[in-house]
Amino acid sequence: MTPGIDWSTAVAIEQRDGRLWVPLPPQLARQLAVGEGDVLCYTAFENGTVEVWSVRKNPYETLDLRPR
């Protein structure tokens, strides 16, 4: 593996109920120390980088992104 890379993996994107889904690879779950009920958040930056970060045990009222 290339120096500086701990692990690399791929997952297949699935469509369910009109939304895209991916299974969470075990390496990522371990790295982020997440499990059922936790939330993954994604932040996109102007330079094209996307950051993934976790929030332990969902504090949100809803994850529905549709306007109310």
N, C-alpha and C. Protein backbone atom coordinates (compact mmCIF):
# COMPACT_ATOMS: atom_id res chain seq x y z
N MET A 1 0.84 -1.18 0.00
CA MET A 1 0.00 0.00 0.00
C MET A 1 0.89 1.25 0.00
N THR A 2 0.39 2.33 -0.52
CA THR A 2 1.13 3.58 -0.59
C THR A 2 1.44 4.10 0.81
N PRO A 3 2.65 4.60 1.06
CA PRO A 3 2.97 5.16 2.37
C PRO A 3 1.96 6.25 2.77
N GLY A 4 1.55 6.25 4.03
CA GLY A 4 0.60 7.24 4.51
C GLY A 4 -0.84 6.79 4.47
N ILE A 5 -1.10 5.63 3.85
CA ILE A 5 -2.47 5.11 3.77
C ILE A 5 -2.57 3.91 4.71
N ASP A 6 -3.44 3.99 5.71
CA ASP A 6 -3.67 2.87 6.62
C ASP A 6 -4.50 1.78 5.96
N TRP A 7 -5.56 2.17 5.28
CA TRP A 7 -6.43 1.22 4.61
C TRP A 7 -7.20 1.92 3.51
N SER A 8 -7.70 1.13 2.60
CA SER A 8 -8.53 1.63 1.51
C SER A 8 -9.53 0.53 1.18
N THR A 9 -10.76 0.89 0.95
CA THR A 9 -11.79 -0.10 0.63
C THR A 9 -12.82 0.52 -0.29
N ALA A 10 -13.61 -0.32 -0.92
CA ALA A 10 -14.67 0.16 -1.81
C ALA A 10 -15.99 -0.47 -1.40
N VAL A 11 -17.08 0.24 -1.62
CA VAL A 11 -18.42 -0.30 -1.36
C VAL A 11 -19.30 0.00 -2.56
N ALA A 12 -20.27 -0.88 -2.80
CA ALA A 12 -21.21 -0.69 -3.90
C ALA A 12 -22.34 0.23 -3.44
N ILE A 13 -22.73 1.15 -4.30
CA ILE A 13 -23.84 2.07 -4.01
C ILE A 13 -25.13 1.38 -4.43
N GLU A 14 -26.12 1.41 -3.54
CA GLU A 14 -27.41 0.79 -3.81
C GLU A 14 -28.49 1.87 -3.82
N GLN A 15 -29.59 1.57 -4.50
CA GLN A 15 -30.73 2.48 -4.46
C GLN A 15 -31.85 1.80 -3.67
N ARG A 16 -32.38 2.51 -2.68
CA ARG A 16 -33.48 2.02 -1.86
C ARG A 16 -34.47 3.16 -1.68
N ASP A 17 -35.70 2.90 -2.02
CA ASP A 17 -36.76 3.90 -1.84
C ASP A 17 -36.40 5.25 -2.46
N GLY A 18 -35.74 5.25 -3.62
CA GLY A 18 -35.40 6.48 -4.31
C GLY A 18 -34.18 7.21 -3.76
N ARG A 19 -33.49 6.61 -2.78
CA ARG A 19 -32.29 7.23 -2.21
C ARG A 19 -31.09 6.33 -2.43
N LEU A 20 -29.90 6.90 -2.46
CA LEU A 20 -28.68 6.11 -2.59
C LEU A 20 -28.16 5.74 -1.21
N TRP A 21 -27.71 4.49 -1.06
CA TRP A 21 -27.21 3.97 0.21
C TRP A 21 -25.91 3.23 -0.01
N VAL A 22 -25.06 3.22 0.99
CA VAL A 22 -23.85 2.38 0.97
C VAL A 22 -23.70 1.71 2.34
N PRO A 23 -23.21 0.48 2.35
CA PRO A 23 -22.92 -0.14 3.64
C PRO A 23 -21.68 0.51 4.23
N LEU A 24 -21.63 0.59 5.53
CA LEU A 24 -20.48 1.18 6.22
C LEU A 24 -19.40 0.11 6.36
N PRO A 25 -18.25 0.28 5.71
CA PRO A 25 -17.20 -0.73 5.82
C PRO A 25 -16.72 -0.86 7.26
N PRO A 26 -16.40 -2.07 7.71
CA PRO A 26 -15.95 -2.26 9.09
C PRO A 26 -14.73 -1.42 9.45
N GLN A 27 -13.82 -1.21 8.49
CA GLN A 27 -12.64 -0.39 8.77
C GLN A 27 -13.04 1.04 9.15
N LEU A 28 -14.03 1.58 8.44
CA LEU A 28 -14.47 2.94 8.72
C LEU A 28 -15.20 3.01 10.05
N ALA A 29 -16.04 2.03 10.32
CA ALA A 29 -16.76 2.00 11.61
C ALA A 29 -15.77 1.96 12.76
N ARG A 30 -14.73 1.14 12.64
CA ARG A 30 -13.71 1.08 13.71
C ARG A 30 -12.95 2.40 13.82
N GLN A 31 -12.55 2.96 12.68
CA GLN A 31 -11.77 4.21 12.67
C GLN A 31 -12.55 5.35 13.32
N LEU A 32 -13.85 5.44 13.03
CA LEU A 32 -14.69 6.51 13.58
C LEU A 32 -15.32 6.14 14.92
N ALA A 33 -15.14 4.88 15.34
CA ALA A 33 -15.72 4.37 16.59
C ALA A 33 -17.23 4.62 16.63
N VAL A 34 -17.91 4.19 15.57
CA VAL A 34 -19.36 4.39 15.48
C VAL A 34 -20.09 3.06 15.46
N GLY A 35 -21.36 3.13 15.81
CA GLY A 35 -22.21 1.96 15.79
C GLY A 35 -23.65 2.39 15.55
N GLU A 36 -24.56 1.43 15.72
CA GLU A 36 -25.97 1.70 15.48
C GLU A 36 -26.45 2.86 16.35
N GLY A 37 -27.20 3.77 15.74
CA GLY A 37 -27.73 4.93 16.46
C GLY A 37 -26.86 6.17 16.35
N ASP A 38 -25.59 5.98 15.97
CA ASP A 38 -24.71 7.13 15.74
C ASP A 38 -25.02 7.71 14.36
N VAL A 39 -24.50 8.90 14.09
CA VAL A 39 -24.77 9.61 12.84
C VAL A 39 -23.45 9.96 12.16
N LEU A 40 -23.40 9.78 10.84
CA LEU A 40 -22.26 10.26 10.06
C LEU A 40 -22.67 11.56 9.39
N CYS A 41 -21.80 12.54 9.46
CA CYS A 41 -22.03 13.85 8.85
C CYS A 41 -20.99 14.05 7.74
N TYR A 42 -21.39 14.74 6.70
CA TYR A 42 -20.51 15.02 5.57
C TYR A 42 -20.46 16.53 5.36
N THR A 43 -19.25 17.05 5.18
CA THR A 43 -19.08 18.47 4.89
C THR A 43 -18.26 18.60 3.62
N ALA A 44 -18.79 19.30 2.61
CA ALA A 44 -18.09 19.52 1.35
C ALA A 44 -17.44 20.90 1.37
N PHE A 45 -16.19 20.95 0.94
CA PHE A 45 -15.45 22.20 0.88
C PHE A 45 -15.29 22.67 -0.56
N GLU A 46 -15.05 23.95 -0.75
CA GLU A 46 -14.93 24.54 -2.09
C GLU A 46 -13.85 23.86 -2.93
N ASN A 47 -12.81 23.31 -2.30
CA ASN A 47 -11.72 22.70 -3.06
C ASN A 47 -12.04 21.28 -3.51
N GLY A 48 -13.26 20.79 -3.21
CA GLY A 48 -13.68 19.46 -3.65
C GLY A 48 -13.51 18.38 -2.58
N THR A 49 -12.82 18.69 -1.51
CA THR A 49 -12.64 17.73 -0.42
C THR A 49 -13.96 17.54 0.32
N VAL A 50 -14.25 16.31 0.70
CA VAL A 50 -15.42 16.02 1.53
C VAL A 50 -14.92 15.39 2.82
N GLU A 51 -15.32 15.97 3.94
CA GLU A 51 -14.92 15.48 5.25
C GLU A 51 -16.07 14.65 5.84
N VAL A 52 -15.74 13.52 6.43
CA VAL A 52 -16.72 12.67 7.10
C VAL A 52 -16.39 12.69 8.58
N TRP A 53 -17.40 12.94 9.41
CA TRP A 53 -17.20 12.96 10.85
C TRP A 53 -18.41 12.35 11.52
N SER A 54 -18.22 11.91 12.73
CA SER A 54 -19.29 11.18 13.41
C SER A 54 -19.83 11.96 14.61
N VAL A 55 -21.09 11.67 14.92
CA VAL A 55 -21.74 12.20 16.12
C VAL A 55 -22.28 10.98 16.85
N ARG A 56 -21.87 10.79 18.10
CA ARG A 56 -22.30 9.63 18.87
C ARG A 56 -23.77 9.74 19.24
N LYS A 57 -24.48 8.66 19.13
CA LYS A 57 -25.90 8.54 19.49
C LYS A 57 -26.70 9.76 19.09
N ASN A 58 -27.40 9.64 18.03
CA ASN A 58 -28.16 10.67 17.35
C ASN A 58 -28.82 11.72 18.26
N PRO A 59 -28.30 12.96 18.26
CA PRO A 59 -28.93 14.03 19.04
C PRO A 59 -29.98 14.80 18.22
N TYR A 60 -30.12 14.47 16.93
CA TYR A 60 -31.00 15.21 16.07
C TYR A 60 -32.45 14.78 16.23
N GLU A 61 -33.36 15.71 16.09
CA GLU A 61 -34.79 15.38 16.09
C GLU A 61 -35.11 14.55 14.85
N THR A 62 -34.49 14.91 13.72
CA THR A 62 -34.71 14.19 12.47
C THR A 62 -33.48 14.37 11.58
N LEU A 63 -33.26 13.41 10.70
CA LEU A 63 -32.22 13.55 9.68
C LEU A 63 -32.84 13.86 8.33
N ASP A 64 -34.15 14.08 8.30
CA ASP A 64 -34.85 14.39 7.06
C ASP A 64 -34.37 15.74 6.55
N LEU A 65 -33.83 15.76 5.33
CA LEU A 65 -33.28 17.00 4.77
C LEU A 65 -34.30 17.81 3.99
N ARG A 66 -35.53 17.28 3.84
CA ARG A 66 -36.56 18.00 3.08
C ARG A 66 -37.06 19.19 3.89
N PRO A 67 -37.33 20.33 3.25
CA PRO A 67 -37.86 21.49 3.96
C PRO A 67 -39.22 21.16 4.57
N ARG A 68 -39.48 21.71 5.71
CA ARG A 68 -40.77 21.48 6.38
C ARG A 68 -41.78 22.52 6.02
